[in-house]
Amino acid sequence: MNVIPRIQKSISINLRRNIGVSAILTQKGQATDSIQRLFIQMLKEYDQKTKGSSGKLVDASPEIEKELQQELDRITKVFGGKPGVDMTKFPTFEFKDPQYDAINQ
């Protein structure tokens, strides 16, 4: 029958996947490659910088901050924002059920 080769193929694929995943899990978070170590180091540095930036752009020059403000002002004008309204905040919606008059009284 044609079922047995399909089952064998499925089992071999699953075993290969499980072996690949278990090999990664046995490393226990230790980077074995120099590129992995560098990447993890850069992520940790970026994490420290974001904690100290208080919600602003990380390592942004004054020109970049000025350009960001110009873009935010442009978006405010395009989408009808008013002065003092935070356009980076997701809007809140309130839906009220309409009042219906009773048909049968």
PDB file of N, CA and C in Angstrom:
ATOM      1  N   MET A   1       0.825  -1.196   0.000  1.00  0.00           N
ATOM      2  CA  MET A   1       0.000   0.000   0.000  1.00  0.00           C
ATOM      3  C   MET A   1       0.866   1.254   0.000  1.00  0.00           C
ATOM      4  N   ASN A   2       0.223   2.346  -0.226  1.00  0.00           N
ATOM      5  CA  ASN A   2       0.915   3.628  -0.345  1.00  0.00           C
ATOM      6  C   ASN A   2       1.018   4.351   0.995  1.00  0.00           C
ATOM      7  N   VAL A   3       0.374   3.818   2.027  1.00  0.00           N
ATOM      8  CA  VAL A   3       0.301   4.498   3.315  1.00  0.00           C
ATOM      9  C   VAL A   3       1.614   4.364   4.088  1.00  0.00           C
ATOM     10  N   ILE A   4       2.240   3.223   4.043  1.00  0.00           N
ATOM     11  CA  ILE A   4       3.448   2.970   4.835  1.00  0.00           C
ATOM     12  C   ILE A   4       4.594   3.901   4.432  1.00  0.00           C
ATOM     13  N   PRO A   5       4.886   4.109   3.143  1.00  0.00           N
ATOM     14  CA  PRO A   5       5.958   5.063   2.811  1.00  0.00           C
ATOM     15  C   PRO A   5       5.657   6.477   3.296  1.00  0.00           C
ATOM     16  N   ARG A   6       4.389   6.869   3.271  1.00  0.00           N
ATOM     17  CA  ARG A   6       4.024   8.205   3.759  1.00  0.00           C
ATOM     18  C   ARG A   6       4.290   8.317   5.251  1.00  0.00           C
ATOM     19  N   ILE A   7       3.946   7.283   6.005  1.00  0.00           N
ATOM     20  CA  ILE A   7       4.165   7.295   7.447  1.00  0.00           C
ATOM     21  C   ILE A   7       5.665   7.335   7.742  1.00  0.00           C
ATOM     22  N   GLN A   8       6.440   6.554   7.022  1.00  0.00           N
ATOM     23  CA  GLN A   8       7.884   6.545   7.229  1.00  0.00           C
ATOM     24  C   GLN A   8       8.486   7.913   6.932  1.00  0.00           C
ATOM     25  N   LYS A   9       8.035   8.535   5.856  1.00  0.00           N
ATOM     26  CA  LYS A   9       8.554   9.855   5.494  1.00  0.00           C
ATOM     27  C   LYS A   9       8.182  10.888   6.560  1.00  0.00           C
ATOM     28  N   SER A  10       6.955  10.812   7.050  1.00  0.00           N
ATOM     29  CA  SER A  10       6.496  11.746   8.080  1.00  0.00           C
ATOM     30  C   SER A  10       7.301  11.577   9.365  1.00  0.00           C
ATOM     31  N   ILE A  11       7.558  10.330   9.750  1.00  0.00           N
ATOM     32  CA  ILE A  11       8.326  10.073  10.964  1.00  0.00           C
ATOM     33  C   ILE A  11       9.752  10.584  10.816  1.00  0.00           C
ATOM     34  N   SER A  12      10.359  10.364   9.660  1.00  0.00           N
ATOM     35  CA  SER A  12      11.742  10.821   9.479  1.00  0.00           C
ATOM     36  C   SER A  12      11.830  12.346   9.502  1.00  0.00           C
ATOM     37  N   ILE A  13      10.856  13.026   8.924  1.00  0.00           N
ATOM     38  CA  ILE A  13      10.852  14.490   8.946  1.00  0.00           C
ATOM     39  C   ILE A  13      10.704  14.990  10.381  1.00  0.00           C
ATOM     40  N   ASN A  14       9.786  14.387  11.138  1.00  0.00           N
ATOM     41  CA  ASN A  14       9.580  14.813  12.528  1.00  0.00           C
ATOM     42  C   ASN A  14      10.813  14.550  13.378  1.00  0.00           C
ATOM     43  N   LEU A  15      11.474  13.425  13.178  1.00  0.00           N
ATOM     44  CA  LEU A  15      12.694  13.137  13.936  1.00  0.00           C
ATOM     45  C   LEU A  15      13.793  14.137  13.632  1.00  0.00           C
ATOM     46  N   ARG A  16      13.958  14.495  12.361  1.00  0.00           N
ATOM     47  CA  ARG A  16      14.984  15.477  11.999  1.00  0.00           C
ATOM     48  C   ARG A  16      14.689  16.826  12.638  1.00  0.00           C
ATOM     49  N   ARG A  17      13.430  17.222  12.633  1.00  0.00           N
ATOM     50  CA  ARG A  17      13.059  18.497  13.239  1.00  0.00           C
ATOM     51  C   ARG A  17      13.320  18.473  14.743  1.00  0.00           C
ATOM     52  N   ASN A  18      12.926  17.389  15.398  1.00  0.00           N
ATOM     53  CA  ASN A  18      13.101  17.296  16.847  1.00  0.00           C
ATOM     54  C   ASN A  18      14.569  17.282  17.233  1.00  0.00           C
ATOM     55  N   ILE A  19      15.392  16.610  16.460  1.00  0.00           N
ATOM     56  CA  ILE A  19      16.824  16.584  16.750  1.00  0.00           C
ATOM     57  C   ILE A  19      17.415  17.980  16.582  1.00  0.00           C
ATOM     58  N   GLY A  20      16.977  18.694  15.534  1.00  0.00           N
ATOM     59  CA  GLY A  20      17.472  20.051  15.319  1.00  0.00           C
ATOM     60  C   GLY A  20      17.080  20.987  16.442  1.00  0.00           C
ATOM     61  N   VAL A  21      15.850  20.871  16.915  1.00  0.00           N
ATOM     62  CA  VAL A  21      15.377  21.731  17.996  1.00  0.00           C
ATOM     63  C   VAL A  21      16.072  21.365  19.298  1.00  0.00           C
ATOM     64  N   SER A  22      16.218  20.079  19.577  1.00  0.00           N
ATOM     65  CA  SER A  22      16.839  19.679  20.833  1.00  0.00           C
ATOM     66  C   SER A  22      18.315  20.075  20.874  1.00  0.00           C
ATOM     67  N   ALA A  23      18.975  20.106  19.734  1.00  0.00           N
ATOM     68  CA  ALA A  23      20.375  20.541  19.708  1.00  0.00           C
ATOM     69  C   ALA A  23      20.487  22.011  20.097  1.00  0.00           C
ATOM     70  N   ILE A  24      19.536  22.801  19.659  1.00  0.00           N
ATOM     71  CA  ILE A  24      19.540  24.226  20.008  1.00  0.00           C
ATOM     72  C   ILE A  24      19.227  24.407  21.487  1.00  0.00           C
ATOM     73  N   LEU A  25      18.282  23.617  22.005  1.00  0.00           N
ATOM     74  CA  LEU A  25      17.887  23.759  23.402  1.00  0.00           C
ATOM     75  C   LEU A  25      18.989  23.325  24.368  1.00  0.00           C
ATOM     76  N   THR A  26      19.834  22.424  23.955  1.00  0.00           N
ATOM     77  CA  THR A  26      20.903  21.965  24.848  1.00  0.00           C
ATOM     78  C   THR A  26      21.986  23.017  25.046  1.00  0.00           C
ATOM     79  N   GLN A  27      22.004  24.037  24.208  1.00  0.00           N
ATOM     80  CA  GLN A  27      23.002  25.092  24.373  1.00  0.00           C
ATOM     81  C   GLN A  27      22.711  25.949  25.597  1.00  0.00           C
ATOM     82  N   LYS A  28      21.489  25.958  26.086  1.00  0.00           N
ATOM     83  CA  LYS A  28      21.068  26.677  27.293  1.00  0.00           C
ATOM     84  C   LYS A  28      21.422  28.159  27.241  1.00  0.00           C
ATOM     85  N   GLY A  29      21.148  28.773  26.125  1.00  0.00           N
ATOM     86  CA  GLY A  29      21.334  30.205  26.012  1.00  0.00           C
ATOM     87  C   GLY A  29      22.762  30.657  25.793  1.00  0.00           C
ATOM     88  N   GLN A  30      23.702  29.751  25.675  1.00  0.00           N
ATOM     89  CA  GLN A  30      25.093  30.124  25.452  1.00  0.00           C
ATOM     90  C   GLN A  30      25.351  30.249  23.953  1.00  0.00           C
ATOM     91  N   ALA A  31      25.851  31.369  23.553  1.00  0.00           N
ATOM     92  CA  ALA A  31      26.173  31.583  22.150  1.00  0.00           C
ATOM     93  C   ALA A  31      27.480  30.858  21.840  1.00  0.00           C
ATOM     94  N   THR A  32      27.451  29.991  20.853  1.00  0.00           N
ATOM     95  CA  THR A  32      28.661  29.244  20.502  1.00  0.00           C
ATOM     96  C   THR A  32      29.414  29.914  19.365  1.00  0.00           C
ATOM     97  N   ASP A  33      28.747  30.745  18.648  1.00  0.00           N
ATOM     98  CA  ASP A  33      29.336  31.399  17.493  1.00  0.00           C
ATOM     99  C   ASP A  33      29.715  32.828  17.876  1.00  0.00           C
ATOM    100  N   SER A  34      30.798  33.341  17.324  1.00  0.00           N
ATOM    101  CA  SER A  34      31.221  34.709  17.651  1.00  0.00           C
ATOM    102  C   SER A  34      30.194  35.730  17.170  1.00  0.00           C
ATOM    103  N   ILE A  35      29.528  35.442  16.081  1.00  0.00           N
ATOM    104  CA  ILE A  35      28.500  36.357  15.579  1.00  0.00           C
ATOM    105  C   ILE A  35      27.298  36.354  16.514  1.00  0.00           C
ATOM    106  N   GLN A  36      26.933  35.180  17.038  1.00  0.00           N
ATOM    107  CA  GLN A  36      25.847  35.110  18.002  1.00  0.00           C
ATOM    108  C   GLN A  36      26.189  35.894  19.260  1.00  0.00           C
ATOM    109  N   ARG A  37      27.409  35.746  19.748  1.00  0.00           N
ATOM    110  CA  ARG A  37      27.833  36.485  20.950  1.00  0.00           C
ATOM    111  C   ARG A  37      27.775  37.988  20.706  1.00  0.00           C
ATOM    112  N   LEU A  38      28.239  38.422  19.539  1.00  0.00           N
ATOM    113  CA  LEU A  38      28.211  39.841  19.210  1.00  0.00           C
ATOM    114  C   LEU A  38      26.770  40.342  19.139  1.00  0.00           C
ATOM    115  N   PHE A  39      25.894  39.549  18.531  1.00  0.00           N
ATOM    116  CA  PHE A  39      24.488  39.933  18.414  1.00  0.00           C
ATOM    117  C   PHE A  39      23.849  40.057  19.793  1.00  0.00           C
ATOM    118  N   ILE A  40      24.104  39.104  20.667  1.00  0.00           N
ATOM    119  CA  ILE A  40      23.544  39.151  22.018  1.00  0.00           C
ATOM    120  C   ILE A  40      24.101  40.341  22.783  1.00  0.00           C
ATOM    121  N   GLN A  41      25.379  40.618  22.609  1.00  0.00           N
ATOM    122  CA  GLN A  41      26.000  41.771  23.274  1.00  0.00           C
ATOM    123  C   GLN A  41      25.356  43.069  22.798  1.00  0.00           C
ATOM    124  N   MET A  42      25.134  43.186  21.498  1.00  0.00           N
ATOM    125  CA  MET A  42      24.515  44.403  20.963  1.00  0.00           C
ATOM    126  C   MET A  42      23.071  44.544  21.457  1.00  0.00           C
ATOM    127  N   LEU A  43      22.349  43.423  21.573  1.00  0.00           N
ATOM    128  CA  LEU A  43      20.989  43.489  22.103  1.00  0.00           C
ATOM    129  C   LEU A  43      20.978  43.969  23.550  1.00  0.00           C
ATOM    130  N   LYS A  44      21.927  43.496  24.340  1.00  0.00           N
ATOM    131  CA  LYS A  44      21.999  43.929  25.735  1.00  0.00           C
ATOM    132  C   LYS A  44      22.353  45.407  25.837  1.00  0.00           C
ATOM    133  N   GLU A  45      23.265  45.876  24.991  1.00  0.00           N
ATOM    134  CA  GLU A  45      23.610  47.301  24.978  1.00  0.00           C
ATOM    135  C   GLU A  45      22.409  48.145  24.581  1.00  0.00           C
ATOM    136  N   TYR A  46      21.675  47.693  23.564  1.00  0.00           N
ATOM    137  CA  TYR A  46      20.489  48.430  23.115  1.00  0.00           C
ATOM    138  C   TYR A  46      19.435  48.456  24.212  1.00  0.00           C
ATOM    139  N   ASP A  47      19.293  47.350  24.940  1.00  0.00           N
ATOM    140  CA  ASP A  47      18.333  47.295  26.038  1.00  0.00           C
ATOM    141  C   ASP A  47      18.682  48.321  27.108  1.00  0.00           C
ATOM    142  N   GLN A  48      19.964  48.446  27.438  1.00  0.00           N
ATOM    143  CA  GLN A  48      20.390  49.435  28.423  1.00  0.00           C
ATOM    144  C   GLN A  48      20.135  50.858  27.929  1.00  0.00           C
ATOM    145  N   LYS A  49      20.386  51.097  26.644  1.00  0.00           N
ATOM    146  CA  LYS A  49      20.167  52.441  26.090  1.00  0.00           C
ATOM    147  C   LYS A  49      18.692  52.796  26.083  1.00  0.00           C
ATOM    148  N   THR A  50      17.814  51.816  25.776  1.00  0.00           N
ATOM    149  CA  THR A  50      16.383  52.123  25.744  1.00  0.00           C
ATOM    150  C   THR A  50      15.847  52.399  27.136  1.00  0.00           C
ATOM    151  N   LYS A  51      16.416  51.773  28.154  1.00  0.00           N
ATOM    152  CA  LYS A  51      15.966  52.043  29.520  1.00  0.00           C
ATOM    153  C   LYS A  51      16.344  53.456  29.937  1.00  0.00           C
ATOM    154  N   GLY A  52      17.434  53.974  29.434  1.00  0.00           N
ATOM    155  CA  GLY A  52      17.866  55.320  29.783  1.00  0.00           C
ATOM    156  C   GLY A  52      17.307  56.404  28.890  1.00  0.00           C
ATOM    157  N   SER A  53      16.630  56.048  27.807  1.00  0.00           N
ATOM    158  CA  SER A  53      16.168  57.065  26.863  1.00  0.00           C
ATOM    159  C   SER A  53      14.795  57.612  27.196  1.00  0.00           C
ATOM    160  N   SER A  54      14.106  57.042  28.153  1.00  0.00           N
ATOM    161  CA  SER A  54      12.777  57.479  28.606  1.00  0.00           C
ATOM    162  C   SER A  54      11.781  57.641  27.463  1.00  0.00           C
ATOM    163  N   GLY A  55      11.733  56.662  26.584  1.00  0.00           N
ATOM    164  CA  GLY A  55      10.722  56.635  25.529  1.00  0.00           C
ATOM    165  C   GLY A  55      11.076  57.383  24.265  1.00  0.00           C
ATOM    166  N   LYS A  56      12.223  57.997  24.211  1.00  0.00           N
ATOM    167  CA  LYS A  56      12.632  58.711  23.008  1.00  0.00           C
ATOM    168  C   LYS A  56      13.478  57.802  22.134  1.00  0.00           C
ATOM    169  N   LEU A  57      13.872  58.306  20.964  1.00  0.00           N
ATOM    170  CA  LEU A  57      14.722  57.535  20.073  1.00  0.00           C
ATOM    171  C   LEU A  57      16.092  57.315  20.704  1.00  0.00           C
ATOM    172  N   VAL A  58      16.651  56.157  20.462  1.00  0.00           N
ATOM    173  CA  VAL A  58      17.957  55.810  21.022  1.00  0.00           C
ATOM    174  C   VAL A  58      19.057  56.350  20.111  1.00  0.00           C
ATOM    175  N   ASP A  59      20.035  57.021  20.689  1.00  0.00           N
ATOM    176  CA  ASP A  59      21.181  57.574  19.959  1.00  0.00           C
ATOM    177  C   ASP A  59      20.761  58.461  18.790  1.00  0.00           C
ATOM    178  N   ALA A  60      19.734  59.259  18.980  1.00  0.00           N
ATOM    179  CA  ALA A  60      19.252  60.129  17.904  1.00  0.00           C
ATOM    180  C   ALA A  60      19.957  61.474  17.970  1.00  0.00           C
ATOM    181  N   SER A  61      20.402  61.941  16.823  1.00  0.00           N
ATOM    182  CA  SER A  61      21.024  63.261  16.751  1.00  0.00           C
ATOM    183  C   SER A  61      19.924  64.324  16.733  1.00  0.00           C
ATOM    184  N   PRO A  62      20.265  65.570  16.991  1.00  0.00           N
ATOM    185  CA  PRO A  62      19.250  66.635  16.946  1.00  0.00           C
ATOM    186  C   PRO A  62      18.585  66.752  15.577  1.00  0.00           C
ATOM    187  N   GLU A  63      19.340  66.442  14.499  1.00  0.00           N
ATOM    188  CA  GLU A  63      18.744  66.498  13.161  1.00  0.00           C
ATOM    189  C   GLU A  63      17.658  65.438  13.002  1.00  0.00           C
ATOM    190  N   ILE A  64      17.908  64.248  13.530  1.00  0.00           N
ATOM    191  CA  ILE A  64      16.926  63.168  13.439  1.00  0.00           C
ATOM    192  C   ILE A  64      15.690  63.505  14.261  1.00  0.00           C
ATOM    193  N   GLU A  65      15.879  64.056  15.450  1.00  0.00           N
ATOM    194  CA  GLU A  65      14.736  64.427  16.282  1.00  0.00           C
ATOM    195  C   GLU A  65      13.925  65.539  15.625  1.00  0.00           C
ATOM    196  N   LYS A  66      14.612  66.485  14.972  1.00  0.00           N
ATOM    197  CA  LYS A  66      13.912  67.557  14.267  1.00  0.00           C
ATOM    198  C   LYS A  66      13.125  66.987  13.098  1.00  0.00           C
ATOM    199  N   GLU A  67      13.721  66.054  12.370  1.00  0.00           N
ATOM    200  CA  GLU A  67      13.040  65.425  11.238  1.00  0.00           C
ATOM    201  C   GLU A  67      11.814  64.632  11.711  1.00  0.00           C
ATOM    202  N   LEU A  68      11.943  63.938  12.839  1.00  0.00           N
ATOM    203  CA  LEU A  68      10.811  63.208  13.401  1.00  0.00           C
ATOM    204  C   LEU A  68       9.681  64.159  13.765  1.00  0.00           C
ATOM    205  N   GLN A  69      10.018  65.271  14.387  1.00  0.00           N
ATOM    206  CA  GLN A  69       8.990  66.240  14.762  1.00  0.00           C
ATOM    207  C   GLN A  69       8.303  66.825  13.540  1.00  0.00           C
ATOM    208  N   GLN A  70       9.065  67.083  12.462  1.00  0.00           N
ATOM    209  CA  GLN A  70       8.464  67.592  11.232  1.00  0.00           C
ATOM    210  C   GLN A  70       7.493  66.575  10.640  1.00  0.00           C
ATOM    211  N   GLU A  71       7.860  65.299  10.657  1.00  0.00           N
ATOM    212  CA  GLU A  71       6.971  64.260  10.134  1.00  0.00           C
ATOM    213  C   GLU A  71       5.714  64.134  10.983  1.00  0.00           C
ATOM    214  N   LEU A  72       5.873  64.216  12.312  1.00  0.00           N
ATOM    215  CA  LEU A  72       4.695  64.150  13.177  1.00  0.00           C
ATOM    216  C   LEU A  72       3.773  65.347  12.953  1.00  0.00           C
ATOM    217  N   ASP A  73       4.346  66.533  12.742  1.00  0.00           N
ATOM    218  CA  ASP A  73       3.535  67.716  12.445  1.00  0.00           C
ATOM    219  C   ASP A  73       2.801  67.557  11.122  1.00  0.00           C
ATOM    220  N   ARG A  74       3.496  66.994  10.120  1.00  0.00           N
ATOM    221  CA  ARG A  74       2.869  66.784   8.808  1.00  0.00           C
ATOM    222  C   ARG A  74       1.711  65.800   8.921  1.00  0.00           C
ATOM    223  N   ILE A  75       1.913  64.728   9.662  1.00  0.00           N
ATOM    224  CA  ILE A  75       0.855  63.727   9.828  1.00  0.00           C
ATOM    225  C   ILE A  75      -0.319  64.320  10.590  1.00  0.00           C
ATOM    226  N   THR A  76      -0.020  65.174  11.554  1.00  0.00           N
ATOM    227  CA  THR A  76      -1.090  65.832  12.305  1.00  0.00           C
ATOM    228  C   THR A  76      -1.949  66.682  11.376  1.00  0.00           C
ATOM    229  N   LYS A  77      -1.320  67.419  10.461  1.00  0.00           N
ATOM    230  CA  LYS A  77      -2.070  68.242   9.516  1.00  0.00           C
ATOM    231  C   LYS A  77      -2.866  67.387   8.546  1.00  0.00           C
ATOM    232  N   VAL A  78      -2.261  66.310   8.041  1.00  0.00           N
ATOM    233  CA  VAL A  78      -2.925  65.464   7.045  1.00  0.00           C
ATOM    234  C   VAL A  78      -4.155  64.785   7.636  1.00  0.00           C
ATOM    235  N   PHE A  79      -4.057  64.300   8.858  1.00  0.00           N
ATOM    236  CA  PHE A  79      -5.146  63.537   9.443  1.00  0.00           C
ATOM    237  C   PHE A  79      -6.018  64.354  10.389  1.00  0.00           C
ATOM    238  N   GLY A  80      -5.870  65.643  10.364  1.00  0.00           N
ATOM    239  CA  GLY A  80      -6.777  66.518  11.088  1.00  0.00           C
ATOM    240  C   GLY A  80      -6.586  66.550  12.591  1.00  0.00           C
ATOM    241  N   GLY A  81      -5.387  66.351  13.034  1.00  0.00           N
ATOM    242  CA  GLY A  81      -5.124  66.424  14.465  1.00  0.00           C
ATOM    243  C   GLY A  81      -5.124  67.862  14.938  1.00  0.00           C
ATOM    244  N   LYS A  82      -5.427  68.040  16.191  1.00  0.00           N
ATOM    245  CA  LYS A  82      -5.460  69.387  16.764  1.00  0.00           C
ATOM    246  C   LYS A  82      -4.217  69.597  17.604  1.00  0.00           C
ATOM    247  N   PRO A  83      -3.833  70.843  17.844  1.00  0.00           N
ATOM    248  CA  PRO A  83      -2.665  71.104  18.690  1.00  0.00           C
ATOM    249  C   PRO A  83      -2.863  70.508  20.083  1.00  0.00           C
ATOM    250  N   GLY A  84      -1.828  69.866  20.582  1.00  0.00           N
ATOM    251  CA  GLY A  84      -1.894  69.267  21.902  1.00  0.00           C
ATOM    252  C   GLY A  84      -2.392  67.833  21.909  1.00  0.00           C
ATOM    253  N   VAL A  85      -2.845  67.323  20.752  1.00  0.00           N
ATOM    254  CA  VAL A  85      -3.326  65.944  20.680  1.00  0.00           C
ATOM    255  C   VAL A  85      -2.156  65.051  20.302  1.00  0.00           C
ATOM    256  N   ASP A  86      -1.971  63.975  21.050  1.00  0.00           N
ATOM    257  CA  ASP A  86      -0.881  63.034  20.794  1.00  0.00           C
ATOM    258  C   ASP A  86      -1.288  62.114  19.652  1.00  0.00           C
ATOM    259  N   MET A  87      -0.706  62.330  18.470  1.00  0.00           N
ATOM    260  CA  MET A  87      -1.056  61.537  17.289  1.00  0.00           C
ATOM    261  C   MET A  87      -0.371  60.175  17.289  1.00  0.00           C
ATOM    262  N   THR A  88       0.561  59.940  18.195  1.00  0.00           N
ATOM    263  CA  THR A  88       1.215  58.636  18.257  1.00  0.00           C
ATOM    264  C   THR A  88       0.430  57.662  19.125  1.00  0.00           C
ATOM    265  N   LYS A  89      -0.589  58.134  19.811  1.00  0.00           N
ATOM    266  CA  LYS A  89      -1.388  57.294  20.692  1.00  0.00           C
ATOM    267  C   LYS A  89      -2.561  56.707  19.911  1.00  0.00           C
ATOM    268  N   PHE A  90      -2.850  55.435  20.149  1.00  0.00           N
ATOM    269  CA  PHE A  90      -3.960  54.778  19.469  1.00  0.00           C
ATOM    270  C   PHE A  90      -5.265  55.371  19.973  1.00  0.00           C
ATOM    271  N   PRO A  91      -6.202  55.685  19.073  1.00  0.00           N
ATOM    272  CA  PRO A  91      -7.446  56.322  19.505  1.00  0.00           C
ATOM    273  C   PRO A  91      -8.328  55.362  20.306  1.00  0.00           C
ATOM    274  N   THR A  92      -9.136  55.939  21.159  1.00  0.00           N
ATOM    275  CA  THR A  92     -10.109  55.150  21.914  1.00  0.00           C
ATOM    276  C   THR A  92     -11.478  55.370  21.294  1.00  0.00           C
ATOM    277  N   PHE A  93     -12.240  54.312  21.226  1.00  0.00           N
ATOM    278  CA  PHE A  93     -13.559  54.362  20.619  1.00  0.00           C
ATOM    279  C   PHE A  93     -14.605  54.047  21.674  1.00  0.00           C
ATOM    280  N   GLU A  94     -15.716  54.755  21.600  1.00  0.00           N
ATOM    281  CA  GLU A  94     -16.837  54.485  22.492  1.00  0.00           C
ATOM    282  C   GLU A  94     -18.066  54.254  21.632  1.00  0.00           C
ATOM    283  N   PHE A  95     -18.650  53.096  21.783  1.00  0.00           N
ATOM    284  CA  PHE A  95     -19.854  52.753  21.046  1.00  0.00           C
ATOM    285  C   PHE A  95     -21.010  52.647  22.028  1.00  0.00           C
ATOM    286  N   LYS A  96     -22.044  53.406  21.767  1.00  0.00           N
ATOM    287  CA  LYS A  96     -23.217  53.390  22.633  1.00  0.00           C
ATOM    288  C   LYS A  96     -24.368  52.739  21.876  1.00  0.00           C
ATOM    289  N   ASP A  97     -25.116  51.930  22.590  1.00  0.00           N
ATOM    290  CA  ASP A  97     -26.289  51.312  21.983  1.00  0.00           C
ATOM    291  C   ASP A  97     -27.370  52.367  21.799  1.00  0.00           C
ATOM    292  N   PRO A  98     -27.994  52.385  20.628  1.00  0.00           N
ATOM    293  CA  PRO A  98     -29.062  53.375  20.409  1.00  0.00           C
ATOM    294  C   PRO A  98     -30.304  53.010  21.215  1.00  0.00           C
ATOM    295  N   GLN A  99     -31.054  54.031  21.564  1.00  0.00           N
ATOM    296  CA  GLN A  99     -32.320  53.825  22.284  1.00  0.00           C
ATOM    297  C   GLN A  99     -33.426  53.611  21.275  1.00  0.00           C
ATOM    298  N   TYR A 100     -34.158  52.521  21.425  1.00  0.00           N
ATOM    299  CA  TYR A 100     -35.267  52.211  20.523  1.00  0.00           C
ATOM    300  C   TYR A 100     -36.584  52.407  21.244  1.00  0.00           C
ATOM    301  N   ASP A 101     -37.551  52.901  20.494  1.00  0.00           N
ATOM    302  CA  ASP A 101     -38.922  53.005  21.044  1.00  0.00           C
ATOM    303  C   ASP A 101     -39.612  51.674  20.898  1.00  0.00           C
ATOM    304  N   ALA A 102     -40.392  51.342  21.858  1.00  0.00           N
ATOM    305  CA  ALA A 102     -41.112  50.059  21.807  1.00  0.00           C
ATOM    306  C   ALA A 102     -42.182  50.134  20.719  1.00  0.00           C
ATOM    307  N   ILE A 103     -42.317  49.066  19.954  1.00  0.00           N
ATOM    308  CA  ILE A 103     -43.315  49.027  18.880  1.00  0.00           C
ATOM    309  C   ILE A 103     -44.700  48.754  19.451  1.00  0.00           C
ATOM    310  N   ASN A 104     -44.780  47.788  20.303  1.00  0.00           N
ATOM    311  CA  ASN A 104     -46.069  47.406  20.910  1.00  0.00           C
ATOM    312  C   ASN A 104     -46.143  47.966  22.312  1.00  0.00           C
ATOM    313  N   GLN A 105     -47.178  48.799  22.533  1.00  0.00           N
ATOM    314  CA  GLN A 105     -47.336  49.363  23.883  1.00  0.00           C
ATOM    315  C   GLN A 105     -48.675  49.020  24.426  1.00  0.00           C
TER     316      GLN A 105
END
